[in-house]
Amino acid sequence: MTDSSARAAVLVDYSRVERQLGVRLQGDAGAAIVAVGYGRRTRTFSSAQPYDVVNRLRRDVLKELTATVDVRLAAGLHLDLGAQRGAQKTNRAGDPASLGDVADYTRFVGSAGLRYRF
């Protein structure tokens, strides 16, 4: 018989090597300032703990694209628009135990706002 609610002490090692690269281009287009960017993050987890299934030999890559527009509507009044799309891939594709930051995912974030300087 198995007790699925039994607690077990398992050693976990969160150490990793993380590399990031980012590029951003910005330019004027009349009354607007337009910017686009690309970012890439690579993480390699090196846990040597035998029961650390989340971090043992895990690798993931996150790629992000961003775009922003700052439009001058009037003296001191600006409209800010932004979009960000990110996609992460791991070497754990299809693993039902992978959740959240450990799993493959795609996200899209949009934003809009007015800014007034007085």
PDB file of N, CA and C in Angstrom:
ATOM      1  N   MET A   1       0.836  -1.166   0.000  1.00  0.00           N
ATOM      2  CA  MET A   1       0.000   0.000   0.000  1.00  0.00           C
ATOM      3  C   MET A   1       0.892   1.244   0.000  1.00  0.00           C
ATOM      4  N   THR A   2       0.452   2.306  -0.702  1.00  0.00           N
ATOM      5  CA  THR A   2       1.219   3.540  -0.843  1.00  0.00           C
ATOM      6  C   THR A   2       0.475   4.694  -0.201  1.00  0.00           C
ATOM      7  N   ASP A   3       1.192   5.493   0.573  1.00  0.00           N
ATOM      8  CA  ASP A   3       0.608   6.679   1.191  1.00  0.00           C
ATOM      9  C   ASP A   3       1.033   7.891   0.364  1.00  0.00           C
ATOM     10  N   SER A   4       0.128   8.414  -0.467  1.00  0.00           N
ATOM     11  CA  SER A   4       0.472   9.525  -1.360  1.00  0.00           C
ATOM     12  C   SER A   4       0.599  10.862  -0.635  1.00  0.00           C
ATOM     13  N   SER A   5       0.180  10.953   0.608  1.00  0.00           N
ATOM     14  CA  SER A   5       0.294  12.210   1.353  1.00  0.00           C
ATOM     15  C   SER A   5       1.505  12.223   2.291  1.00  0.00           C
ATOM     16  N   ALA A   6       2.346  11.197   2.236  1.00  0.00           N
ATOM     17  CA  ALA A   6       3.532  11.140   3.088  1.00  0.00           C
ATOM     18  C   ALA A   6       4.537  12.195   2.645  1.00  0.00           C
ATOM     19  N   ARG A   7       5.178  12.841   3.601  1.00  0.00           N
ATOM     20  CA  ARG A   7       6.185  13.861   3.297  1.00  0.00           C
ATOM     21  C   ARG A   7       7.555  13.208   3.191  1.00  0.00           C
ATOM     22  N   ALA A   8       8.367  13.757   2.277  1.00  0.00           N
ATOM     23  CA  ALA A   8       9.731  13.270   2.130  1.00  0.00           C
ATOM     24  C   ALA A   8      10.662  14.470   1.995  1.00  0.00           C
ATOM     25  N   ALA A   9      11.783  14.414   2.672  1.00  0.00           N
ATOM     26  CA  ALA A   9      12.780  15.484   2.564  1.00  0.00           C
ATOM     27  C   ALA A   9      13.662  15.183   1.361  1.00  0.00           C
ATOM     28  N   VAL A  10      13.658  16.100   0.390  1.00  0.00           N
ATOM     29  CA  VAL A  10      14.445  15.915  -0.825  1.00  0.00           C
ATOM     30  C   VAL A  10      15.336  17.138  -0.998  1.00  0.00           C
ATOM     31  N   LEU A  11      16.614  16.926  -1.223  1.00  0.00           N
ATOM     32  CA  LEU A  11      17.538  18.030  -1.441  1.00  0.00           C
ATOM     33  C   LEU A  11      17.322  18.611  -2.832  1.00  0.00           C
ATOM     34  N   VAL A  12      17.319  19.948  -2.914  1.00  0.00           N
ATOM     35  CA  VAL A  12      17.086  20.659  -4.170  1.00  0.00           C
ATOM     36  C   VAL A  12      18.246  21.617  -4.405  1.00  0.00           C
ATOM     37  N   ASP A  13      18.660  21.718  -5.658  1.00  0.00           N
ATOM     38  CA  ASP A  13      19.767  22.603  -6.024  1.00  0.00           C
ATOM     39  C   ASP A  13      19.289  23.519  -7.148  1.00  0.00           C
ATOM     40  N   TYR A  14      19.151  24.831  -6.859  1.00  0.00           N
ATOM     41  CA  TYR A  14      18.655  25.797  -7.846  1.00  0.00           C
ATOM     42  C   TYR A  14      19.785  26.485  -8.619  1.00  0.00           C
ATOM     43  N   SER A  15      21.027  26.056  -8.430  1.00  0.00           N
ATOM     44  CA  SER A  15      22.130  26.733  -9.111  1.00  0.00           C
ATOM     45  C   SER A  15      22.012  26.534 -10.621  1.00  0.00           C
ATOM     46  N   ARG A  16      22.427  27.572 -11.366  1.00  0.00           N
ATOM     47  CA  ARG A  16      22.287  27.525 -12.813  1.00  0.00           C
ATOM     48  C   ARG A  16      23.262  28.500 -13.456  1.00  0.00           C
ATOM     49  N   VAL A  17      23.456  28.327 -14.738  1.00  0.00           N
ATOM     50  CA  VAL A  17      24.191  29.272 -15.562  1.00  0.00           C
ATOM     51  C   VAL A  17      23.148  29.942 -16.444  1.00  0.00           C
ATOM     52  N   GLU A  18      23.126  31.273 -16.421  1.00  0.00           N
ATOM     53  CA  GLU A  18      22.120  32.033 -17.161  1.00  0.00           C
ATOM     54  C   GLU A  18      22.826  33.033 -18.071  1.00  0.00           C
ATOM     55  N   ARG A  19      22.407  33.043 -19.338  1.00  0.00           N
ATOM     56  CA  ARG A  19      22.977  33.988 -20.306  1.00  0.00           C
ATOM     57  C   ARG A  19      21.839  34.786 -20.923  1.00  0.00           C
ATOM     58  N   GLN A  20      22.066  36.101 -21.083  1.00  0.00           N
ATOM     59  CA  GLN A  20      21.047  36.974 -21.673  1.00  0.00           C
ATOM     60  C   GLN A  20      21.659  37.834 -22.762  1.00  0.00           C
ATOM     61  N   LEU A  21      20.867  38.055 -23.806  1.00  0.00           N
ATOM     62  CA  LEU A  21      21.264  38.909 -24.909  1.00  0.00           C
ATOM     63  C   LEU A  21      20.063  39.759 -25.278  1.00  0.00           C
ATOM     64  N   GLY A  22      20.276  41.045 -25.506  1.00  0.00           N
ATOM     65  CA  GLY A  22      19.183  41.929 -25.874  1.00  0.00           C
ATOM     66  C   GLY A  22      19.625  42.968 -26.882  1.00  0.00           C
ATOM     67  N   VAL A  23      18.748  43.249 -27.836  1.00  0.00           N
ATOM     68  CA  VAL A  23      19.003  44.258 -28.853  1.00  0.00           C
ATOM     69  C   VAL A  23      17.752  45.121 -28.956  1.00  0.00           C
ATOM     70  N   ARG A  24      17.950  46.453 -29.056  1.00  0.00           N
ATOM     71  CA  ARG A  24      16.815  47.377 -29.171  1.00  0.00           C
ATOM     72  C   ARG A  24      17.153  48.446 -30.198  1.00  0.00           C
ATOM     73  N   LEU A  25      16.231  48.668 -31.132  1.00  0.00           N
ATOM     74  CA  LEU A  25      16.372  49.713 -32.135  1.00  0.00           C
ATOM     75  C   LEU A  25      15.269  50.732 -31.926  1.00  0.00           C
ATOM     76  N   GLN A  26      15.629  52.007 -32.017  1.00  0.00           N
ATOM     77  CA  GLN A  26      14.660  53.074 -31.775  1.00  0.00           C
ATOM     78  C   GLN A  26      14.830  54.139 -32.846  1.00  0.00           C
ATOM     79  N   GLY A  27      13.701  54.691 -33.294  1.00  0.00           N
ATOM     80  CA  GLY A  27      13.766  55.733 -34.306  1.00  0.00           C
ATOM     81  C   GLY A  27      12.568  56.652 -34.243  1.00  0.00           C
ATOM     82  N   ASP A  28      12.724  57.837 -34.807  1.00  0.00           N
ATOM     83  CA  ASP A  28      11.636  58.818 -34.877  1.00  0.00           C
ATOM     84  C   ASP A  28      10.861  58.617 -36.172  1.00  0.00           C
ATOM     85  N   ALA A  29       9.535  58.740 -36.068  1.00  0.00           N
ATOM     86  CA  ALA A  29       8.657  58.668 -37.234  1.00  0.00           C
ATOM     87  C   ALA A  29       7.638  59.794 -37.111  1.00  0.00           C
ATOM     88  N   GLY A  30       8.046  60.988 -37.435  1.00  0.00           N
ATOM     89  CA  GLY A  30       7.165  62.150 -37.290  1.00  0.00           C
ATOM     90  C   GLY A  30       6.960  62.495 -35.831  1.00  0.00           C
ATOM     91  N   ALA A  31       5.690  62.450 -35.374  1.00  0.00           N
ATOM     92  CA  ALA A  31       5.368  62.778 -33.983  1.00  0.00           C
ATOM     93  C   ALA A  31       5.468  61.560 -33.074  1.00  0.00           C
ATOM     94  N   ALA A  32       5.985  60.463 -33.592  1.00  0.00           N
ATOM     95  CA  ALA A  32       6.059  59.226 -32.803  1.00  0.00           C
ATOM     96  C   ALA A  32       7.502  58.741 -32.695  1.00  0.00           C
ATOM     97  N   ILE A  33       7.768  58.074 -31.601  1.00  0.00           N
ATOM     98  CA  ILE A  33       9.040  57.379 -31.414  1.00  0.00           C
ATOM     99  C   ILE A  33       8.706  55.892 -31.376  1.00  0.00           C
ATOM    100  N   VAL A  34       9.303  55.147 -32.280  1.00  0.00           N
ATOM    101  CA  VAL A  34       9.025  53.710 -32.409  1.00  0.00           C
ATOM    102  C   VAL A  34      10.266  52.934 -31.995  1.00  0.00           C
ATOM    103  N   ALA A  35      10.070  51.868 -31.231  1.00  0.00           N
ATOM    104  CA  ALA A  35      11.185  51.028 -30.797  1.00  0.00           C
ATOM    105  C   ALA A  35      10.786  49.566 -30.928  1.00  0.00           C
ATOM    106  N   VAL A  36      11.718  48.749 -31.372  1.00  0.00           N
ATOM    107  CA  VAL A  36      11.526  47.297 -31.433  1.00  0.00           C
ATOM    108  C   VAL A  36      12.725  46.642 -30.763  1.00  0.00           C
ATOM    109  N   GLY A  37      12.485  45.505 -30.159  1.00  0.00           N
ATOM    110  CA  GLY A  37      13.568  44.833 -29.452  1.00  0.00           C
ATOM    111  C   GLY A  37      13.439  43.328 -29.518  1.00  0.00           C
ATOM    112  N   TYR A  38      14.559  42.675 -29.295  1.00  0.00           N
ATOM    113  CA  TYR A  38      14.613  41.217 -29.244  1.00  0.00           C
ATOM    114  C   TYR A  38      15.478  40.831 -28.058  1.00  0.00           C
ATOM    115  N   GLY A  39      15.039  39.836 -27.305  1.00  0.00           N
ATOM    116  CA  GLY A  39      15.809  39.349 -26.173  1.00  0.00           C
ATOM    117  C   GLY A  39      15.816  37.836 -26.148  1.00  0.00           C
ATOM    118  N   ARG A  40      16.909  37.276 -25.662  1.00  0.00           N
ATOM    119  CA  ARG A  40      17.025  35.817 -25.552  1.00  0.00           C
ATOM    120  C   ARG A  40      17.710  35.494 -24.238  1.00  0.00           C
ATOM    121  N   ARG A  41      17.106  34.556 -23.487  1.00  0.00           N
ATOM    122  CA  ARG A  41      17.683  34.101 -22.224  1.00  0.00           C
ATOM    123  C   ARG A  41      17.835  32.587 -22.292  1.00  0.00           C
ATOM    124  N   THR A  42      19.016  32.099 -21.946  1.00  0.00           N
ATOM    125  CA  THR A  42      19.276  30.662 -21.913  1.00  0.00           C
ATOM    126  C   THR A  42      19.693  30.296 -20.495  1.00  0.00           C
ATOM    127  N   ARG A  43      19.056  29.284 -19.933  1.00  0.00           N
ATOM    128  CA  ARG A  43      19.409  28.822 -18.584  1.00  0.00           C
ATOM    129  C   ARG A  43      19.728  27.325 -18.635  1.00  0.00           C
ATOM    130  N   THR A  44      20.781  26.943 -17.911  1.00  0.00           N
ATOM    131  CA  THR A  44      21.160  25.539 -17.774  1.00  0.00           C
ATOM    132  C   THR A  44      21.265  25.238 -16.287  1.00  0.00           C
ATOM    133  N   PHE A  45      20.426  24.334 -15.816  1.00  0.00           N
ATOM    134  CA  PHE A  45      20.413  23.937 -14.404  1.00  0.00           C
ATOM    135  C   PHE A  45      21.272  22.689 -14.253  1.00  0.00           C
ATOM    136  N   SER A  46      22.093  22.662 -13.207  1.00  0.00           N
ATOM    137  CA  SER A  46      23.079  21.588 -13.076  1.00  0.00           C
ATOM    138  C   SER A  46      22.954  20.827 -11.759  1.00  0.00           C
ATOM    139  N   SER A  47      21.744  20.632 -11.302  1.00  0.00           N
ATOM    140  CA  SER A  47      21.564  19.940 -10.027  1.00  0.00           C
ATOM    141  C   SER A  47      22.098  18.514 -10.118  1.00  0.00           C
ATOM    142  N   ALA A  48      22.879  18.123  -9.123  1.00  0.00           N
ATOM    143  CA  ALA A  48      23.410  16.764  -9.054  1.00  0.00           C
ATOM    144  C   ALA A  48      22.637  15.918  -8.051  1.00  0.00           C
ATOM    145  N   GLN A  49      21.578  16.480  -7.474  1.00  0.00           N
ATOM    146  CA  GLN A  49      20.793  15.743  -6.484  1.00  0.00           C
ATOM    147  C   GLN A  49      19.951  14.673  -7.206  1.00  0.00           C
ATOM    148  N   PRO A  50      20.010  13.436  -6.778  1.00  0.00           N
ATOM    149  CA  PRO A  50      19.347  12.345  -7.521  1.00  0.00           C
ATOM    150  C   PRO A  50      17.825  12.458  -7.591  1.00  0.00           C
ATOM    151  N   TYR A  51      17.174  13.063  -6.611  1.00  0.00           N
ATOM    152  CA  TYR A  51      15.709  13.151  -6.613  1.00  0.00           C
ATOM    153  C   TYR A  51      15.204  14.557  -6.945  1.00  0.00           C
ATOM    154  N   ASP A  52      16.065  15.410  -7.421  1.00  0.00           N
ATOM    155  CA  ASP A  52      15.682  16.766  -7.821  1.00  0.00           C
ATOM    156  C   ASP A  52      15.243  16.734  -9.290  1.00  0.00           C
ATOM    157  N   VAL A  53      14.031  16.232  -9.518  1.00  0.00           N
ATOM    158  CA  VAL A  53      13.563  16.016 -10.894  1.00  0.00           C
ATOM    159  C   VAL A  53      13.274  17.322 -11.626  1.00  0.00           C
ATOM    160  N   VAL A  54      13.019  18.408 -10.897  1.00  0.00           N
ATOM    161  CA  VAL A  54      12.710  19.679 -11.549  1.00  0.00           C
ATOM    162  C   VAL A  54      13.964  20.326 -12.126  1.00  0.00           C
ATOM    163  N   ASN A  55      15.076  20.302 -11.413  1.00  0.00           N
ATOM    164  CA  ASN A  55      16.275  21.034 -11.821  1.00  0.00           C
ATOM    165  C   ASN A  55      17.399  20.160 -12.367  1.00  0.00           C
ATOM    166  N   ARG A  56      17.255  18.869 -12.308  1.00  0.00           N
ATOM    167  CA  ARG A  56      18.323  17.972 -12.775  1.00  0.00           C
ATOM    168  C   ARG A  56      18.394  17.984 -14.301  1.00  0.00           C
ATOM    169  N   LEU A  57      19.501  18.490 -14.822  1.00  0.00           N
ATOM    170  CA  LEU A  57      19.774  18.518 -16.268  1.00  0.00           C
ATOM    171  C   LEU A  57      18.712  19.271 -17.075  1.00  0.00           C
ATOM    172  N   ARG A  58      18.105  20.299 -16.487  1.00  0.00           N
ATOM    173  CA  ARG A  58      17.079  21.079 -17.189  1.00  0.00           C
ATOM    174  C   ARG A  58      17.716  22.228 -17.945  1.00  0.00           C
ATOM    175  N   ARG A  59      17.209  22.481 -19.154  1.00  0.00           N
ATOM    176  CA  ARG A  59      17.628  23.619 -19.966  1.00  0.00           C
ATOM    177  C   ARG A  59      16.381  24.305 -20.495  1.00  0.00           C
ATOM    178  N   ASP A  60      16.411  25.637 -20.555  1.00  0.00           N
ATOM    179  CA  ASP A  60      15.308  26.363 -21.182  1.00  0.00           C
ATOM    180  C   ASP A  60      15.830  27.595 -21.914  1.00  0.00           C
ATOM    181  N   VAL A  61      15.077  27.993 -22.931  1.00  0.00           N
ATOM    182  CA  VAL A  61      15.412  29.158 -23.749  1.00  0.00           C
ATOM    183  C   VAL A  61      14.156  30.008 -23.871  1.00  0.00           C
ATOM    184  N   LEU A  62      14.268  31.287 -23.506  1.00  0.00           N
ATOM    185  CA  LEU A  62      13.157  32.240 -23.620  1.00  0.00           C
ATOM    186  C   LEU A  62      13.520  33.272 -24.674  1.00  0.00           C
ATOM    187  N   LYS A  63      12.646  33.425 -25.681  1.00  0.00           N
ATOM    188  CA  LYS A  63      12.840  34.434 -26.728  1.00  0.00           C
ATOM    189  C   LYS A  63      11.700  35.436 -26.623  1.00  0.00           C
ATOM    190  N   GLU A  64      12.041  36.742 -26.639  1.00  0.00           N
ATOM    191  CA  GLU A  64      11.030  37.789 -26.506  1.00  0.00           C
ATOM    192  C   GLU A  64      11.196  38.838 -27.596  1.00  0.00           C
ATOM    193  N   LEU A  65      10.052  39.260 -28.150  1.00  0.00           N
ATOM    194  CA  LEU A  65       9.987  40.373 -29.095  1.00  0.00           C
ATOM    195  C   LEU A  65       9.174  41.477 -28.451  1.00  0.00           C
ATOM    196  N   THR A  66       9.638  42.716 -28.564  1.00  0.00           N
ATOM    197  CA  THR A  66       8.909  43.853 -28.001  1.00  0.00           C
ATOM    198  C   THR A  66       8.779  44.952 -29.045  1.00  0.00           C
ATOM    199  N   ALA A  67       7.703  45.701 -28.937  1.00  0.00           N
ATOM    200  CA  ALA A  67       7.484  46.865 -29.791  1.00  0.00           C
ATOM    201  C   ALA A  67       6.793  47.935 -28.956  1.00  0.00           C
ATOM    202  N   THR A  68       7.275  49.171 -29.061  1.00  0.00           N
ATOM    203  CA  THR A  68       6.654  50.286 -28.349  1.00  0.00           C
ATOM    204  C   THR A  68       6.513  51.476 -29.287  1.00  0.00           C
ATOM    205  N   VAL A  69       5.459  52.236 -29.063  1.00  0.00           N
ATOM    206  CA  VAL A  69       5.214  53.459 -29.826  1.00  0.00           C
ATOM    207  C   VAL A  69       4.846  54.548 -28.828  1.00  0.00           C
ATOM    208  N   ASP A  70       5.512  55.682 -28.927  1.00  0.00           N
ATOM    209  CA  ASP A  70       5.237  56.848 -28.089  1.00  0.00           C
ATOM    210  C   ASP A  70       4.811  57.967 -29.038  1.00  0.00           C
ATOM    211  N   VAL A  71       3.506  58.302 -29.012  1.00  0.00           N
ATOM    212  CA  VAL A  71       2.956  59.300 -29.928  1.00  0.00           C
ATOM    213  C   VAL A  71       2.691  60.590 -29.156  1.00  0.00           C
ATOM    214  N   ARG A  72       3.225  61.693 -29.668  1.00  0.00           N
ATOM    215  CA  ARG A  72       2.973  63.003 -29.054  1.00  0.00           C
ATOM    216  C   ARG A  72       1.654  63.521 -29.593  1.00  0.00           C
ATOM    217  N   LEU A  73       0.648  63.645 -28.702  1.00  0.00           N
ATOM    218  CA  LEU A  73      -0.675  64.112 -29.092  1.00  0.00           C
ATOM    219  C   LEU A  73      -0.798  65.629 -29.001  1.00  0.00           C
ATOM    220  N   ALA A  74      -0.187  66.195 -28.000  1.00  0.00           N
ATOM    221  CA  ALA A  74      -0.203  67.647 -27.785  1.00  0.00           C
ATOM    222  C   ALA A  74       0.992  67.981 -26.897  1.00  0.00           C
ATOM    223  N   ALA A  75       1.175  69.256 -26.612  1.00  0.00           N
ATOM    224  CA  ALA A  75       2.288  69.663 -25.757  1.00  0.00           C
ATOM    225  C   ALA A  75       2.156  69.004 -24.388  1.00  0.00           C
ATOM    226  N   GLY A  76       3.087  68.115 -24.069  1.00  0.00           N
ATOM    227  CA  GLY A  76       3.087  67.434 -22.778  1.00  0.00           C
ATOM    228  C   GLY A  76       2.201  66.200 -22.706  1.00  0.00           C
ATOM    229  N   LEU A  77       1.405  65.907 -23.741  1.00  0.00           N
ATOM    230  CA  LEU A  77       0.491  64.758 -23.725  1.00  0.00           C
ATOM    231  C   LEU A  77       0.975  63.703 -24.716  1.00  0.00           C
ATOM    232  N   HIS A  78       1.183  62.492 -24.214  1.00  0.00           N
ATOM    233  CA  HIS A  78       1.692  61.394 -25.046  1.00  0.00           C
ATOM    234  C   HIS A  78       0.808  60.163 -24.897  1.00  0.00           C
ATOM    235  N   LEU A  79       0.690  59.404 -25.972  1.00  0.00           N
ATOM    236  CA  LEU A  79       0.033  58.093 -25.970  1.00  0.00           C
ATOM    237  C   LEU A  79       1.133  57.049 -26.083  1.00  0.00           C
ATOM    238  N   ASP A  80       1.176  56.136 -25.122  1.00  0.00           N
ATOM    239  CA  ASP A  80       2.174  55.063 -25.116  1.00  0.00           C
ATOM    240  C   ASP A  80       1.486  53.742 -25.421  1.00  0.00           C
ATOM    241  N   LEU A  81       1.967  53.024 -26.432  1.00  0.00           N
ATOM    242  CA  LEU A  81       1.455  51.706 -26.799  1.00  0.00           C
ATOM    243  C   LEU A  81       2.614  50.721 -26.770  1.00  0.00           C
ATOM    244  N   GLY A  82       2.332  49.515 -26.330  1.00  0.00           N
ATOM    245  CA  GLY A  82       3.395  48.514 -26.268  1.00  0.00           C
ATOM    246  C   GLY A  82       2.864  47.114 -26.443  1.00  0.00           C
ATOM    247  N   ALA A  83       3.707  46.243 -26.952  1.00  0.00           N
ATOM    248  CA  ALA A  83       3.368  44.822 -27.101  1.00  0.00           C
ATOM    249  C   ALA A  83       4.628  44.006 -26.841  1.00  0.00           C
ATOM    250  N   GLN A  84       4.441  42.867 -26.192  1.00  0.00           N
ATOM    251  CA  GLN A  84       5.550  41.970 -25.896  1.00  0.00           C
ATOM    252  C   GLN A  84       5.074  40.540 -26.096  1.00  0.00           C
ATOM    253  N   ARG A  85       5.835  39.781 -26.859  1.00  0.00           N
ATOM    254  CA  ARG A  85       5.520  38.368 -27.073  1.00  0.00           C
ATOM    255  C   ARG A  85       6.734  37.551 -26.661  1.00  0.00           C
ATOM    256  N   GLY A  86       6.502  36.572 -25.810  1.00  0.00           N
ATOM    257  CA  GLY A  86       7.580  35.719 -25.334  1.00  0.00           C
ATOM    258  C   GLY A  86       7.223  34.257 -25.501  1.00  0.00           C
ATOM    259  N   ALA A  87       8.218  33.436 -25.787  1.00  0.00           N
ATOM    260  CA  ALA A  87       8.014  31.991 -25.910  1.00  0.00           C
ATOM    261  C   ALA A  87       9.196  31.283 -25.268  1.00  0.00           C
ATOM    262  N   GLN A  88       8.893  30.348 -24.374  1.00  0.00           N
ATOM    263  CA  GLN A  88       9.943  29.567 -23.723  1.00  0.00           C
ATOM    264  C   GLN A  88       9.824  28.110 -24.150  1.00  0.00           C
ATOM    265  N   LYS A  89      10.956  27.529 -24.447  1.00  0.00           N
ATOM    266  CA  LYS A  89      11.041  26.100 -24.774  1.00  0.00           C
ATOM    267  C   LYS A  89      12.013  25.459 -23.797  1.00  0.00           C
ATOM    268  N   THR A  90      11.671  24.273 -23.323  1.00  0.00           N
ATOM    269  CA  THR A  90      12.535  23.542 -22.397  1.00  0.00           C
ATOM    270  C   THR A  90      12.878  22.184 -22.994  1.00  0.00           C
ATOM    271  N   ASN A  91      13.802  21.512 -22.359  1.00  0.00           N
ATOM    272  CA  ASN A  91      14.098  20.140 -22.769  1.00  0.00           C
ATOM    273  C   ASN A  91      13.187  19.153 -22.035  1.00  0.00           C
ATOM    274  N   ARG A  92      12.092  19.655 -21.498  1.00  0.00           N
ATOM    275  CA  ARG A  92      11.116  18.815 -20.784  1.00  0.00           C
ATOM    276  C   ARG A  92       9.755  18.820 -21.474  1.00  0.00           C
ATOM    277  N   ALA A  93       9.713  18.993 -22.768  1.00  0.00           N
ATOM    278  CA  ALA A  93       8.438  19.063 -23.491  1.00  0.00           C
ATOM    279  C   ALA A  93       7.611  17.811 -23.233  1.00  0.00           C
ATOM    280  N   GLY A  94       6.347  18.016 -22.923  1.00  0.00           N
ATOM    281  CA  GLY A  94       5.442  16.896 -22.688  1.00  0.00           C
ATOM    282  C   GLY A  94       5.503  16.302 -21.304  1.00  0.00           C
ATOM    283  N   ASP A  95       6.337  16.834 -20.419  1.00  0.00           N
ATOM    284  CA  ASP A  95       6.437  16.315 -19.052  1.00  0.00           C
ATOM    285  C   ASP A  95       5.252  16.838 -18.244  1.00  0.00           C
ATOM    286  N   PRO A  96       4.340  15.965 -17.794  1.00  0.00           N
ATOM    287  CA  PRO A  96       3.157  16.446 -17.060  1.00  0.00           C
ATOM    288  C   PRO A  96       3.491  17.067 -15.707  1.00  0.00           C
ATOM    289  N   ALA A  97       4.681  16.835 -15.178  1.00  0.00           N
ATOM    290  CA  ALA A  97       5.066  17.420 -13.891  1.00  0.00           C
ATOM    291  C   ALA A  97       5.618  18.836 -14.049  1.00  0.00           C
ATOM    292  N   SER A  98       5.830  19.279 -15.284  1.00  0.00           N
ATOM    293  CA  SER A  98       6.378  20.618 -15.517  1.00  0.00           C
ATOM    294  C   SER A  98       5.264  21.647 -15.489  1.00  0.00           C
ATOM    295  N   LEU A  99       5.388  22.624 -14.587  1.00  0.00           N
ATOM    296  CA  LEU A  99       4.384  23.673 -14.434  1.00  0.00           C
ATOM    297  C   LEU A  99       5.064  25.031 -14.378  1.00  0.00           C
ATOM    298  N   GLY A 100       4.330  26.076 -14.743  1.00  0.00           N
ATOM    299  CA  GLY A 100       4.813  27.448 -14.587  1.00  0.00           C
ATOM    300  C   GLY A 100       6.084  27.723 -15.355  1.00  0.00           C
ATOM    301  N   ASP A 101       7.100  28.245 -14.663  1.00  0.00           N
ATOM    302  CA  ASP A 101       8.353  28.639 -15.289  1.00  0.00           C
ATOM    303  C   ASP A 101       9.172  27.446 -15.776  1.00  0.00           C
ATOM    304  N   VAL A 102       8.815  26.242 -15.357  1.00  0.00           N
ATOM    305  CA  VAL A 102       9.540  25.041 -15.741  1.00  0.00           C
ATOM    306  C   VAL A 102       9.027  24.497 -17.077  1.00  0.00           C
ATOM    307  N   ALA A 103       7.826  24.866 -17.485  1.00  0.00           N
ATOM    308  CA  ALA A 103       7.189  24.309 -18.674  1.00  0.00           C
ATOM    309  C   ALA A 103       7.382  25.194 -19.902  1.00  0.00           C
ATOM    310  N   ASP A 104       7.070  24.627 -21.070  1.00  0.00           N
ATOM    311  CA  ASP A 104       7.009  25.417 -22.295  1.00  0.00           C
ATOM    312  C   ASP A 104       5.800  26.341 -22.205  1.00  0.00           C
ATOM    313  N   TYR A 105       5.949  27.581 -22.659  1.00  0.00           N
ATOM    314  CA  TYR A 105       4.810  28.494 -22.660  1.00  0.00           C
ATOM    315  C   TYR A 105       5.023  29.597 -23.684  1.00  0.00           C
ATOM    316  N   THR A 106       3.917  30.241 -24.039  1.00  0.00           N
ATOM    317  CA  THR A 106       3.917  31.421 -24.896  1.00  0.00           C
ATOM    318  C   THR A 106       3.045  32.454 -24.213  1.00  0.00           C
ATOM    319  N   ARG A 107       3.482  33.712 -24.227  1.00  0.00           N
ATOM    320  CA  ARG A 107       2.686  34.760 -23.595  1.00  0.00           C
ATOM    321  C   ARG A 107       2.675  35.998 -24.485  1.00  0.00           C
ATOM    322  N   PHE A 108       1.615  36.765 -24.360  1.00  0.00           N
ATOM    323  CA  PHE A 108       1.495  38.037 -25.065  1.00  0.00           C
ATOM    324  C   PHE A 108       0.998  39.071 -24.070  1.00  0.00           C
ATOM    325  N   VAL A 109       1.674  40.215 -24.020  1.00  0.00           N
ATOM    326  CA  VAL A 109       1.289  41.298 -23.116  1.00  0.00           C
ATOM    327  C   VAL A 109       1.167  42.566 -23.950  1.00  0.00           C
ATOM    328  N   GLY A 110       0.013  43.215 -23.865  1.00  0.00           N
ATOM    329  CA  GLY A 110      -0.193  44.482 -24.542  1.00  0.00           C
ATOM    330  C   GLY A 110      -0.444  45.567 -23.510  1.00  0.00           C
ATOM    331  N   SER A 111      -0.066  46.791 -23.846  1.00  0.00           N
ATOM    332  CA  SER A 111      -0.280  47.892 -22.909  1.00  0.00           C
ATOM    333  C   SER A 111      -0.603  49.168 -23.679  1.00  0.00           C
ATOM    334  N   ALA A 112      -1.347  50.036 -23.014  1.00  0.00           N
ATOM    335  CA  ALA A 112      -1.690  51.352 -23.578  1.00  0.00           C
ATOM    336  C   ALA A 112      -1.832  52.321 -22.405  1.00  0.00           C
ATOM    337  N   GLY A 113      -1.404  53.544 -22.631  1.00  0.00           N
ATOM    338  CA  GLY A 113      -1.519  54.521 -21.558  1.00  0.00           C
ATOM    339  C   GLY A 113      -1.339  55.940 -22.077  1.00  0.00           C
ATOM    340  N   LEU A 114      -1.873  56.856 -21.315  1.00  0.00           N
ATOM    341  CA  LEU A 114      -1.693  58.287 -21.597  1.00  0.00           C
ATOM    342  C   LEU A 114      -0.747  58.860 -20.558  1.00  0.00           C
ATOM    343  N   ARG A 115       0.106  59.759 -21.015  1.00  0.00           N
ATOM    344  CA  ARG A 115       1.083  60.376 -20.119  1.00  0.00           C
ATOM    345  C   ARG A 115       1.001  61.878 -20.316  1.00  0.00           C
ATOM    346  N   TYR A 116       0.872  62.602 -19.222  1.00  0.00           N
ATOM    347  CA  TYR A 116       0.818  64.056 -19.288  1.00  0.00           C
ATOM    348  C   TYR A 116       1.886  64.638 -18.379  1.00  0.00           C
ATOM    349  N   ARG A 117       2.681  65.499 -18.901  1.00  0.00           N
ATOM    350  CA  ARG A 117       3.717  66.154 -18.102  1.00  0.00           C
ATOM    351  C   ARG A 117       3.313  67.595 -17.864  1.00  0.00           C
ATOM    352  N   PHE A 118       3.264  67.993 -16.587  1.00  0.00           N
ATOM    353  CA  PHE A 118       2.891  69.368 -16.245  1.00  0.00           C
ATOM    354  C   PHE A 118       3.844  69.948 -15.252  1.00  0.00           C
TER     355      PHE A 118
END
